[in-house]
Amino acid sequence: MKAGLVVASATASFVSAADQPQWGQAWSRNLASQEKGLPDSFDPRTGKNVLWQAELGTDTYSTPVVARGRVYIGTNNNRPRNKARTGDSGVLMCFDERDGKLLWQLVVPKRWEDQYLDWYKIGLCSTATVDGDRVYVVSSRGEVICLDAAGMANGNDGPFTDEAALATSPKEPGQQPKKTDDGAVVPEPLSLPKVEGARAEVSPLDADVIWRTDLAQEAGIWPHDSSHSSSMVLGDHLYLNSGTGVDYTHRRIRAPKAPSLLVLDKKTGRVLARDAVEEGIGPNIFHNTYAGPALGVVGGRQVIFFCAGNGIVYGFEPIGATPPEGTVLNLKKVFQFDPDPSAPKTEVQKYHQNRREGPSNFYGMPVFVDGHLYFAGGGDVYWGKNEAWLKCLTFDGGADKPLLAWTHELNKHTLSSVAVADGLAYVTDSEGNVHCVDAKTGATVWVQPMDGAFWSSPLVADGKVFAGTRRGEFGILAAGREKKVLSTIKLGAGAINSTATAANGVVFFANMTTLYALKVK
């Protein structure tokens, strides 16, 4: 079967109607949608163009996805919906797409050993991926969890049946974490506490877990702050960034041989493949492994594109058949590209408080459109230099010979993925700007400032650009070469950290506390 046909056949089972079952279009990760008839303004106070709104926790960083009548989004547990599931936890909520009713929720307590392994009150930051009746998400503690999209409505499906234990903090009274000689807390296996009658204590509001894989135990990662992952399904396999990073000092890599890009069996959670230790990504991660992978076809050859935590862009071949039990393959590298050749490549952690020089890093995903790879990066928003850019690669010489087509400078830092539509590329930066650039040349078309830094990415749909800032301003701009603000609104409930999603004629987006569904009335 030709490579292009593999993608086409996988798409048929992945996308239903006008759903949006993962972050970005499958598999390009492009944040551009074909949805039409979307609103150009809204107002929650009057109900104008607001289909419904649903209460979340108090901190929300995850992007909503929509599939088969359900909306999924991660948040925290500061406003618990279940009195039996209290305490600081990461939560994945599942809402009815029609009216915003909460159908079920996954509640996973924080890692107890150290806040730098799982930052307090930040919630579940990863974005879910839906494939048929299965939902895949990476918890804040660094475990990949497969869920039944129906929740407990069709019973507690196995093989995992200890949902009550999963929702219970594993810390026992007097328990002390293990530490290295210089004081770093060692991530322990996420063993489940013993809960008497665990199956009986599961409520209809609980998620139905099919399997779970602890990446610290099964893949040897060192979690940092929280996982920011967006998985990608390809056939029977699940591709995802591992979330491995620095320790509490921000100056040490405790797991230098840990993988950055992983492949799991989507049916069982078994680790199948990883980037080879010889690639040397692990020791040179500057902060964390934030960016999820993308897929493209170059000259008939499938390539997994990956922006690693060491500031290098990689291309890998997808794996073929599932390897035998006990075998973990090394992903075959197609190419690597250094977008910041003058930056330091070794001992990078010593630059962690240097705002003038240092390595580059990525938060947003790569986007592959029409033979071009778009990615944004630069100095780390927390610790790195004040430098950011959007770059574009071409592959005219083949999949193994990427060439830099252009660079577009951004302001200070960026956490953005890219939206490409009608020959234009859209990206945000931490200085509160939406950039529209020519997708072929990188030339500035327009720049629109907004109130507050962007930690979210732009969504382009229906001739509009949807984007929200950390000061709670949500803007709807006209897409195209003419700069035009259609509407802006200040939402009073905190920052907007997640990217908007368009599905089935509705725009879904969240600020810290509320999920909104917008539709023209």
Protein backbone atom coordinates (compact mmCIF):
# COMPACT_ATOMS: atom_id res chain seq x y z
CA MET A 1 0.00 0.00 0.00
CA LYS A 2 1.33 3.42 -0.89
CA ALA A 3 2.08 5.87 1.96
CA GLY A 4 -0.61 8.31 0.89
CA LEU A 5 -3.21 5.53 0.96
CA VAL A 6 -2.21 4.61 4.51
CA VAL A 7 -3.06 8.14 5.63
CA ALA A 8 -6.31 8.14 3.68
CA SER A 9 -7.52 4.84 5.10
CA ALA A 10 -6.66 5.88 8.66
CA THR A 11 -8.56 9.14 8.21
CA ALA A 12 -11.81 7.32 7.51
CA SER A 13 -11.93 5.85 11.01
CA PHE A 14 -10.58 8.97 12.69
CA VAL A 15 -12.88 11.79 11.59
CA SER A 16 -16.67 11.74 11.76
CA ALA A 17 -18.75 14.42 10.01
CA ALA A 18 -17.41 17.85 11.03
CA ASP A 19 -15.97 16.71 14.35
CA GLN A 20 -12.60 17.90 15.61
CA PRO A 21 -11.24 14.85 17.46
CA GLN A 22 -7.70 16.11 18.04
CA TRP A 23 -5.85 19.39 18.35
CA GLY A 24 -5.29 20.57 14.78
CA GLN A 25 -6.25 18.90 11.56
CA ALA A 26 -5.23 15.27 11.23
CA TRP A 27 -2.43 14.74 10.60
CA SER A 28 -0.94 18.03 9.49
CA ARG A 29 -1.80 19.69 12.84
CA ASN A 30 -2.89 22.77 10.90
CA LEU A 31 -5.07 25.03 13.06
CA ALA A 32 -7.33 25.89 10.14
CA SER A 33 -10.89 24.57 9.85
CA GLN A 34 -13.37 24.27 6.98
CA GLU A 35 -16.31 25.14 9.25
CA LYS A 36 -18.71 27.82 7.97
CA GLY A 37 -21.35 30.10 9.45
CA LEU A 38 -19.40 30.87 12.63
CA PRO A 39 -20.13 33.97 14.74
CA ASP A 40 -18.12 37.17 14.39
CA SER A 41 -19.08 38.38 17.89
CA PHE A 42 -20.64 37.14 21.13
CA ASP A 43 -21.56 38.31 24.61
CA PRO A 44 -22.11 35.94 27.58
CA ARG A 45 -23.90 38.71 29.52
CA THR A 46 -26.72 38.98 26.99
CA GLY A 47 -26.46 35.47 25.55
CA LYS A 48 -25.68 36.80 22.09
CA ASN A 49 -24.38 33.89 19.98
CA VAL A 50 -23.72 31.79 23.10
CA LEU A 51 -25.15 28.31 22.65
CA TRP A 52 -24.13 27.27 26.16
CA GLN A 53 -21.40 27.69 28.74
CA ALA A 54 -20.15 25.14 31.25
CA GLU A 55 -18.25 25.51 34.50
CA LEU A 56 -14.70 24.15 34.62
CA GLY A 57 -12.15 24.26 37.45
CA THR A 58 -10.19 27.41 38.22
CA ASP A 59 -7.15 26.77 35.97
CA THR A 60 -7.55 25.57 32.39
CA TYR A 61 -4.74 25.16 29.84
CA SER A 62 -6.12 22.35 27.69
CA THR A 63 -7.72 22.86 24.26
CA PRO A 64 -11.22 21.41 23.70
CA VAL A 65 -11.76 18.62 21.17
CA VAL A 66 -15.11 17.45 19.79
CA ALA A 67 -16.15 13.99 18.63
CA ARG A 68 -19.37 11.96 18.43
CA GLY A 69 -21.51 14.42 20.32
CA ARG A 70 -19.05 15.01 23.13
CA VAL A 71 -16.63 17.80 24.06
CA TYR A 72 -13.46 17.00 26.04
CA ILE A 73 -11.24 19.45 27.92
CA GLY A 74 -8.71 19.30 30.74
CA THR A 75 -8.86 21.49 33.85
CA ASN A 76 -8.17 21.30 37.61
CA ASN A 77 -10.31 20.12 40.51
CA ASN A 78 -10.66 23.36 42.49
CA ARG A 79 -14.42 23.23 41.95
CA PRO A 80 -15.03 19.49 42.41
CA ARG A 81 -18.16 17.96 40.88
CA ASN A 82 -17.97 14.79 42.92
CA LYS A 83 -17.64 14.97 46.71
CA ALA A 84 -15.77 11.67 46.62
CA ARG A 85 -13.17 13.15 44.25
CA THR A 86 -11.72 16.17 46.06
CA GLY A 87 -8.20 17.49 46.45
CA ASP A 88 -5.67 18.87 43.99
CA SER A 89 -6.10 16.80 40.83
CA GLY A 90 -5.93 16.87 37.07
CA VAL A 91 -9.37 16.51 35.51
CA LEU A 92 -10.56 15.63 32.01
CA MET A 93 -14.21 16.66 31.63
CA CYS A 94 -16.58 15.24 29.03
CA PHE A 95 -19.59 17.40 28.12
CA ASP A 96 -22.63 16.83 25.92
CA GLU A 97 -22.01 18.77 22.71
CA ARG A 98 -25.66 19.85 22.48
CA ASP A 99 -26.18 21.54 25.85
CA GLY A 100 -22.93 21.45 27.87
CA LYS A 101 -24.14 18.89 30.40
CA LEU A 102 -21.27 17.16 32.21
CA LEU A 103 -21.41 13.47 31.25
CA TRP A 104 -18.35 12.13 33.06
CA GLN A 105 -14.90 13.12 34.27
CA LEU A 106 -11.48 11.60 34.81
CA VAL A 107 -10.00 12.76 38.14
CA VAL A 108 -6.34 11.94 38.79
CA PRO A 109 -4.63 13.20 42.00
CA LYS A 110 -1.32 15.01 41.82
CA ARG A 111 2.00 13.27 42.16
CA TRP A 112 2.69 13.56 45.86
CA GLU A 113 6.52 13.47 45.83
CA ASP A 114 7.34 17.01 44.64
CA GLN A 115 5.49 19.94 43.04
CA TYR A 116 8.11 20.21 40.28
CA LEU A 117 7.07 16.78 39.03
CA ASP A 118 3.42 17.86 38.82
CA TRP A 119 2.83 21.56 39.49
CA TYR A 120 0.12 22.28 42.03
CA LYS A 121 -3.36 23.38 40.92
CA ILE A 122 -2.37 23.56 37.26
CA GLY A 123 -4.73 20.73 36.36
CA LEU A 124 -4.63 18.47 33.33
CA CYS A 125 -2.94 20.55 30.60
CA SER A 126 -2.79 18.00 27.79
CA THR A 127 -5.31 17.95 24.97
CA ALA A 128 -7.26 14.74 24.42
CA THR A 129 -7.33 12.76 21.17
CA VAL A 130 -10.42 10.74 20.20
CA ASP A 131 -10.29 7.72 17.92
CA GLY A 132 -13.64 6.01 17.47
CA ASP A 133 -14.94 5.09 20.92
CA ARG A 134 -11.58 5.59 22.62
CA VAL A 135 -10.20 8.78 24.20
CA TYR A 136 -6.46 9.16 24.78
CA VAL A 137 -4.97 11.72 27.14
CA VAL A 138 -1.72 12.27 29.05
CA SER A 139 -2.37 13.10 32.70
CA SER A 140 -0.52 15.79 34.64
CA ARG A 141 1.51 13.07 36.35
CA GLY A 142 2.93 11.69 33.11
CA GLU A 143 0.74 8.68 32.44
CA VAL A 144 -1.00 7.92 29.16
CA ILE A 145 -4.61 6.93 29.80
CA CYS A 146 -7.07 5.33 27.38
CA LEU A 147 -10.75 5.95 28.19
CA ASP A 148 -14.10 4.69 26.98
CA ALA A 149 -15.88 7.61 25.31
CA ALA A 150 -19.18 6.38 26.77
CA GLY A 151 -17.90 6.62 30.33
CA MET A 152 -19.59 4.27 32.79
CA ALA A 153 -22.85 4.35 30.83
CA ASN A 154 -22.03 0.98 29.26
CA GLY A 155 -20.39 -0.52 32.34
CA ASN A 156 -16.85 -0.67 33.69
CA ASP A 157 -14.92 -2.12 30.79
CA GLY A 158 -11.55 -3.72 31.39
CA PRO A 159 -8.85 -4.66 31.54
CA PHE A 160 -8.44 -1.73 33.99
CA THR A 161 -11.19 -1.75 36.63
CA ASP A 162 -9.66 0.12 39.60
CA GLU A 163 -10.99 3.58 38.78
CA ALA A 164 -11.68 4.39 42.44
CA ALA A 165 -8.06 3.61 43.35
CA LEU A 166 -6.81 5.73 40.46
CA ALA A 167 -8.76 8.71 41.80
CA THR A 168 -7.29 8.26 45.31
CA SER A 169 -4.05 9.93 46.36
CA PRO A 170 -1.29 7.30 46.62
CA LYS A 171 0.45 9.04 49.52
CA GLU A 172 0.30 7.26 52.86
CA PRO A 173 0.68 8.98 56.27
CA GLY A 174 4.33 9.49 57.09
CA GLN A 175 5.49 8.46 53.64
CA GLN A 176 8.63 10.26 52.47
CA PRO A 177 9.81 10.56 48.87
CA LYS A 178 13.09 9.10 47.72
CA LYS A 179 15.80 11.65 46.96
CA THR A 180 19.13 11.73 45.18
CA ASP A 181 22.28 12.62 47.10
CA ASP A 182 21.87 16.30 46.16
CA GLY A 183 18.22 16.50 47.15
CA ALA A 184 16.24 15.87 43.96
CA VAL A 185 13.00 13.98 44.50
CA VAL A 186 12.92 10.78 42.45
CA PRO A 187 9.69 10.01 40.55
CA GLU A 188 8.25 6.79 41.93
CA PRO A 189 6.09 4.29 40.05
CA LEU A 190 2.47 5.42 40.07
CA SER A 191 1.28 2.40 42.01
CA LEU A 192 -2.38 2.47 42.95
CA PRO A 193 -3.32 2.61 46.63
CA LYS A 194 -5.34 -0.23 48.06
CA VAL A 195 -8.99 0.79 48.16
CA GLU A 196 -11.46 -1.66 49.61
CA GLY A 197 -14.35 -2.24 47.28
CA ALA A 198 -12.79 -0.07 44.59
CA ARG A 199 -15.14 -1.22 41.86
CA ALA A 200 -18.19 -0.63 44.06
CA GLU A 201 -17.10 2.96 44.77
CA VAL A 202 -17.06 3.98 41.11
CA SER A 203 -19.84 6.47 40.37
CA PRO A 204 -21.68 7.11 37.08
CA LEU A 205 -19.76 10.41 36.86
CA ASP A 206 -16.37 8.65 36.83
CA ALA A 207 -14.45 7.97 33.65
CA ASP A 208 -14.10 4.39 32.46
CA VAL A 209 -10.37 3.69 32.11
CA ILE A 210 -9.39 1.00 29.61
CA TRP A 211 -5.63 1.08 30.22
CA ARG A 212 -2.95 3.36 31.62
CA THR A 213 0.81 3.56 31.07
CA ASP A 214 3.11 5.28 33.57
CA LEU A 215 5.78 6.94 31.41
CA ALA A 216 8.19 7.41 34.32
CA GLN A 217 8.12 3.70 35.03
CA GLU A 218 7.65 2.27 31.54
CA ALA A 219 9.76 4.75 29.55
CA GLY A 220 12.08 6.25 32.17
CA ILE A 221 11.06 9.90 31.74
CA TRP A 222 11.57 12.60 34.37
CA PRO A 223 8.31 14.61 34.56
CA HIS A 224 8.56 18.37 34.97
CA ASP A 225 5.76 20.81 35.98
CA SER A 226 3.03 19.02 34.02
CA SER A 227 2.63 17.09 30.80
CA HIS A 228 1.62 19.22 27.80
CA SER A 229 0.92 16.53 25.27
CA SER A 230 -1.29 16.09 22.23
CA SER A 231 -1.26 12.53 20.93
CA MET A 232 -1.60 11.53 17.29
CA VAL A 233 -3.19 8.26 16.16
CA LEU A 234 -1.74 6.52 13.10
CA GLY A 235 -3.20 3.10 12.43
CA ASP A 236 -2.84 0.99 15.57
CA HIS A 237 -0.23 3.29 17.06
CA LEU A 238 -0.22 6.38 19.25
CA TYR A 239 2.54 8.99 18.75
CA LEU A 240 3.18 11.53 21.51
CA ASN A 241 5.77 13.77 23.13
CA SER A 242 6.92 12.27 26.42
CA GLY A 243 7.02 15.36 28.67
CA THR A 244 10.50 14.58 30.01
CA GLY A 245 12.49 17.57 31.25
CA VAL A 246 14.71 19.17 33.87
CA ASP A 247 14.54 18.69 37.64
CA TYR A 248 13.54 21.17 40.35
CA THR A 249 16.77 23.14 39.98
CA HIS A 250 16.15 23.70 36.25
CA ARG A 251 19.88 23.03 35.84
CA ARG A 252 19.99 19.25 35.66
CA ILE A 253 18.72 16.51 33.38
CA ARG A 254 18.24 13.53 35.68
CA ALA A 255 17.10 11.15 32.93
CA PRO A 256 19.42 11.93 29.98
CA LYS A 257 18.56 8.66 28.21
CA ALA A 258 14.80 9.14 28.48
CA PRO A 259 12.81 9.30 25.22
CA SER A 260 11.32 12.52 23.89
CA LEU A 261 9.09 10.99 21.18
CA LEU A 262 7.20 7.79 21.96
CA VAL A 263 5.04 5.31 20.09
CA LEU A 264 2.49 3.27 22.05
CA ASP A 265 0.12 0.48 21.06
CA LYS A 266 -3.25 2.23 21.11
CA LYS A 267 -5.02 -0.99 22.14
CA THR A 268 -2.85 -1.88 25.13
CA GLY A 269 -0.62 1.09 26.00
CA ARG A 270 2.57 -0.91 25.49
CA VAL A 271 5.62 1.19 24.58
CA LEU A 272 6.66 0.18 21.05
CA ALA A 273 9.24 2.71 19.87
CA ARG A 274 11.19 5.84 20.80
CA ASP A 275 13.86 8.22 19.54
CA ALA A 276 17.21 6.48 19.85
CA VAL A 277 19.45 7.35 22.80
CA GLU A 278 22.18 7.96 20.23
CA GLU A 279 20.24 10.95 18.86
CA GLY A 280 21.32 12.76 22.04
CA ILE A 281 18.10 14.72 22.58
CA GLY A 282 17.71 13.99 26.30
CA PRO A 283 20.85 15.61 27.78
CA ASN A 284 20.22 18.89 25.94
CA ILE A 285 16.58 19.53 26.78
CA PHE A 286 16.40 23.11 27.99
CA HIS A 287 13.15 22.93 29.96
CA ASN A 288 10.58 20.33 28.94
CA THR A 289 9.32 18.37 25.94
CA TYR A 290 6.18 20.36 25.14
CA ALA A 291 5.42 19.94 21.42
CA GLY A 292 3.33 17.14 19.97
CA PRO A 293 4.21 15.48 16.64
CA ALA A 294 2.75 15.95 13.16
CA LEU A 295 2.68 13.76 10.05
CA GLY A 296 3.29 14.59 6.39
CA VAL A 297 3.94 12.83 3.12
CA VAL A 298 7.01 14.03 1.19
CA GLY A 299 7.63 12.44 -2.20
CA GLY A 300 5.43 9.49 -1.28
CA ARG A 301 7.27 8.99 2.01
CA GLN A 302 5.58 9.38 5.39
CA VAL A 303 7.48 11.52 7.88
CA ILE A 304 6.76 12.16 11.56
CA PHE A 305 7.76 15.77 12.28
CA PHE A 306 8.87 16.51 15.82
CA CYS A 307 10.09 19.71 17.51
CA ALA A 308 12.21 18.43 20.39
CA GLY A 309 13.07 20.02 23.72
CA ASN A 310 16.68 20.48 22.62
CA GLY A 311 15.62 23.06 20.03
CA ILE A 312 16.12 20.76 17.03
CA VAL A 313 13.44 19.80 14.47
CA TYR A 314 13.46 16.11 13.53
CA GLY A 315 11.86 13.89 10.95
CA PHE A 316 11.33 10.19 11.73
CA GLU A 317 9.88 7.28 9.82
CA PRO A 318 6.66 5.85 11.30
CA ILE A 319 7.03 2.30 12.53
CA GLY A 320 5.49 -0.50 10.50
CA ALA A 321 3.95 -3.55 12.10
CA THR A 322 3.68 -3.75 15.87
CA PRO A 323 6.93 -5.31 17.16
CA PRO A 324 6.96 -8.49 19.28
CA GLU A 325 6.27 -8.31 23.01
CA GLY A 326 9.27 -6.98 24.93
CA THR A 327 10.74 -5.18 21.91
CA VAL A 328 11.13 -1.39 21.85
CA LEU A 329 12.21 -0.08 18.46
CA ASN A 330 14.40 2.92 17.76
CA LEU A 331 12.70 5.34 15.41
CA LYS A 332 14.62 5.77 12.17
CA LYS A 333 15.67 9.37 11.64
CA VAL A 334 14.92 10.91 8.26
CA PHE A 335 16.43 14.33 8.94
CA GLN A 336 17.30 16.84 11.61
CA PHE A 337 17.30 20.60 11.20
CA ASP A 338 18.80 23.21 13.51
CA PRO A 339 16.73 26.42 13.30
CA ASP A 340 19.11 28.29 15.63
CA PRO A 341 22.65 27.23 14.66
CA SER A 342 24.41 29.92 16.70
CA ALA A 343 22.75 28.82 19.97
CA PRO A 344 24.60 26.61 22.50
CA LYS A 345 24.05 22.89 22.02
CA THR A 346 25.63 21.43 25.17
CA GLU A 347 25.38 22.32 28.87
CA VAL A 348 22.34 24.33 27.83
CA GLN A 349 20.78 24.38 31.31
CA LYS A 350 23.35 26.90 32.58
CA TYR A 351 21.59 29.54 30.42
CA HIS A 352 18.26 29.06 32.16
CA GLN A 353 18.12 32.59 33.62
CA ASN A 354 19.85 34.31 30.72
CA ARG A 355 17.46 36.54 28.76
CA ARG A 356 20.16 37.61 26.28
CA GLU A 357 21.52 34.34 24.93
CA GLY A 358 20.85 30.64 25.17
CA PRO A 359 19.22 27.71 23.35
CA SER A 360 15.87 27.67 21.60
CA ASN A 361 12.82 25.67 22.62
CA PHE A 362 9.37 24.78 21.26
CA TYR A 363 5.91 24.82 22.80
CA GLY A 364 3.74 24.67 19.68
CA MET A 365 3.38 21.75 17.29
CA PRO A 366 4.88 21.68 13.79
CA VAL A 367 2.36 22.13 10.98
CA PHE A 368 2.75 20.52 7.55
CA VAL A 369 0.81 22.07 4.65
CA ASP A 370 1.38 21.75 0.89
CA GLY A 371 4.91 20.42 1.22
CA HIS A 372 5.97 23.08 3.73
CA LEU A 373 6.70 22.64 7.43
CA TYR A 374 5.85 25.61 9.68
CA PHE A 375 7.00 25.87 13.30
CA ALA A 376 7.43 28.64 15.87
CA GLY A 377 10.03 28.76 18.62
CA GLY A 378 12.86 30.67 20.25
CA GLY A 379 13.90 31.42 23.79
CA ASP A 380 11.92 29.60 26.47
CA VAL A 381 9.09 31.75 27.81
CA TYR A 382 10.03 31.05 31.44
CA TRP A 383 13.82 30.89 31.36
CA GLY A 384 15.19 31.68 27.93
CA LYS A 385 16.42 34.53 25.78
CA ASN A 386 14.07 37.21 24.46
CA GLU A 387 14.00 35.91 20.91
CA ALA A 388 11.23 34.25 18.91
CA TRP A 389 10.47 33.41 15.29
CA LEU A 390 8.25 31.56 12.86
CA LYS A 391 10.14 29.48 10.30
CA CYS A 392 9.23 27.52 7.20
CA LEU A 393 11.03 24.53 5.67
CA THR A 394 10.65 23.14 2.15
CA PHE A 395 11.53 19.65 0.93
CA ASP A 396 12.16 20.19 -2.76
CA GLY A 397 15.25 17.99 -2.54
CA GLY A 398 13.44 15.16 -0.76
CA ALA A 399 12.28 14.23 2.72
CA ASP A 400 15.84 13.98 4.02
CA LYS A 401 16.93 17.39 2.72
CA PRO A 402 14.93 20.18 4.36
CA LEU A 403 15.77 23.72 3.32
CA LEU A 404 14.96 26.90 5.21
CA ALA A 405 12.53 28.88 3.08
CA TRP A 406 12.15 31.90 5.35
CA THR A 407 12.14 33.28 8.89
CA HIS A 408 9.63 35.74 10.33
CA GLU A 409 10.67 37.46 13.56
CA LEU A 410 8.22 37.47 16.48
CA ASN A 411 8.25 39.46 19.74
CA LYS A 412 10.24 38.00 22.68
CA HIS A 413 8.59 34.57 23.05
CA THR A 414 5.99 32.33 21.49
CA LEU A 415 4.02 29.28 22.60
CA SER A 416 2.04 29.13 19.39
CA SER A 417 1.24 26.51 16.82
CA VAL A 418 0.46 27.79 13.34
CA ALA A 419 -2.70 28.17 11.27
CA VAL A 420 -2.21 28.17 7.48
CA ALA A 421 -5.06 29.12 5.13
CA ASP A 422 -5.36 30.69 1.67
CA GLY A 423 -1.65 31.35 1.33
CA LEU A 424 -1.31 33.01 4.73
CA ALA A 425 0.17 31.79 8.02
CA TYR A 426 -1.08 33.03 11.41
CA VAL A 427 0.81 32.86 14.70
CA THR A 428 0.79 34.61 18.10
CA ASP A 429 3.52 35.82 20.44
CA SER A 430 3.91 36.58 24.14
CA GLU A 431 3.76 40.34 23.56
CA GLY A 432 0.10 40.13 22.60
CA ASN A 433 0.39 40.17 18.82
CA VAL A 434 -1.39 38.17 16.14
CA HIS A 435 0.90 37.93 13.11
CA CYS A 436 -0.36 37.31 9.58
CA VAL A 437 2.45 36.49 7.14
CA ASP A 438 2.71 35.36 3.56
CA ALA A 439 2.99 31.56 3.72
CA LYS A 440 5.39 31.41 0.75
CA THR A 441 7.74 34.27 1.60
CA GLY A 442 7.35 34.97 5.32
CA ALA A 443 6.74 38.66 4.57
CA THR A 444 4.59 40.54 7.07
CA VAL A 445 1.03 41.06 5.87
CA TRP A 446 -0.24 42.58 9.11
CA VAL A 447 0.24 42.50 12.87
CA GLN A 448 -2.68 43.04 15.26
CA PRO A 449 -1.88 43.86 18.90
CA MET A 450 -4.29 42.70 21.59
CA ASP A 451 -4.51 43.18 25.35
CA GLY A 452 -2.35 40.60 27.07
CA ALA A 453 0.22 37.95 26.26
CA PHE A 454 -0.70 34.98 24.11
CA TRP A 455 -0.19 31.49 25.44
CA SER A 456 -2.78 30.17 23.02
CA SER A 457 -2.60 29.68 19.28
CA PRO A 458 -4.85 31.21 16.61
CA LEU A 459 -7.69 29.27 14.99
CA VAL A 460 -8.66 30.19 11.41
CA ALA A 461 -12.13 29.23 10.24
CA ASP A 462 -14.91 30.73 8.11
CA GLY A 463 -12.73 33.66 7.06
CA LYS A 464 -12.08 34.58 10.69
CA VAL A 465 -9.20 34.36 13.16
CA PHE A 466 -10.14 33.44 16.74
CA ALA A 467 -7.59 34.15 19.50
CA GLY A 468 -7.58 34.81 23.26
CA THR A 469 -5.03 36.41 25.59
CA ARG A 470 -3.77 35.94 29.13
CA ARG A 471 -5.69 39.04 30.19
CA GLY A 472 -8.94 37.47 29.12
CA GLU A 473 -9.48 39.31 25.85
CA PHE A 474 -11.00 37.20 23.09
CA GLY A 475 -10.71 38.62 19.61
CA ILE A 476 -12.33 37.69 16.32
CA LEU A 477 -10.38 39.13 13.39
CA ALA A 478 -10.96 38.93 9.66
CA ALA A 479 -8.72 36.38 7.97
CA GLY A 480 -7.06 37.60 4.81
CA ARG A 481 -4.68 40.29 3.66
CA GLU A 482 -6.72 43.18 4.99
CA LYS A 483 -6.37 43.73 8.73
CA LYS A 484 -9.78 44.07 10.33
CA VAL A 485 -11.02 43.53 13.88
CA LEU A 486 -14.54 42.11 13.81
CA SER A 487 -15.02 42.10 17.59
CA THR A 488 -13.22 41.87 20.92
CA ILE A 489 -14.61 41.11 24.34
CA LYS A 490 -13.01 41.13 27.78
CA LEU A 491 -13.99 38.11 29.85
CA GLY A 492 -13.67 38.73 33.55
CA ALA A 493 -12.80 35.24 34.73
CA GLY A 494 -9.09 35.11 34.09
CA ALA A 495 -6.66 34.16 31.37
CA ILE A 496 -7.38 32.39 28.12
CA ASN A 497 -4.66 29.77 27.72
CA SER A 498 -6.29 27.27 25.37
CA THR A 499 -6.88 27.45 21.64
CA ALA A 500 -10.35 27.70 20.15
CA THR A 501 -11.82 24.72 18.25
CA ALA A 502 -14.45 24.76 15.49
CA ALA A 503 -16.73 21.77 14.96
CA ASN A 504 -20.24 21.24 13.60
CA GLY A 505 -20.95 24.95 13.16
CA VAL A 506 -19.86 25.86 16.70
CA VAL A 507 -16.73 27.53 18.15
CA PHE A 508 -15.57 26.07 21.47
CA PHE A 509 -13.05 27.85 23.68
CA ALA A 510 -12.24 28.20 27.37
CA ASN A 511 -10.83 30.72 29.76
CA MET A 512 -9.62 29.62 33.19
CA THR A 513 -13.06 28.80 34.57
CA THR A 514 -15.58 28.38 31.76
CA LEU A 515 -16.02 26.46 28.53
CA TYR A 516 -17.99 28.43 25.91
CA ALA A 517 -19.88 27.10 22.89
CA LEU A 518 -20.54 29.89 20.37
CA LYS A 519 -23.05 29.63 17.55
CA VAL A 520 -24.82 32.15 15.36
CA LYS A 521 -28.36 32.69 16.65
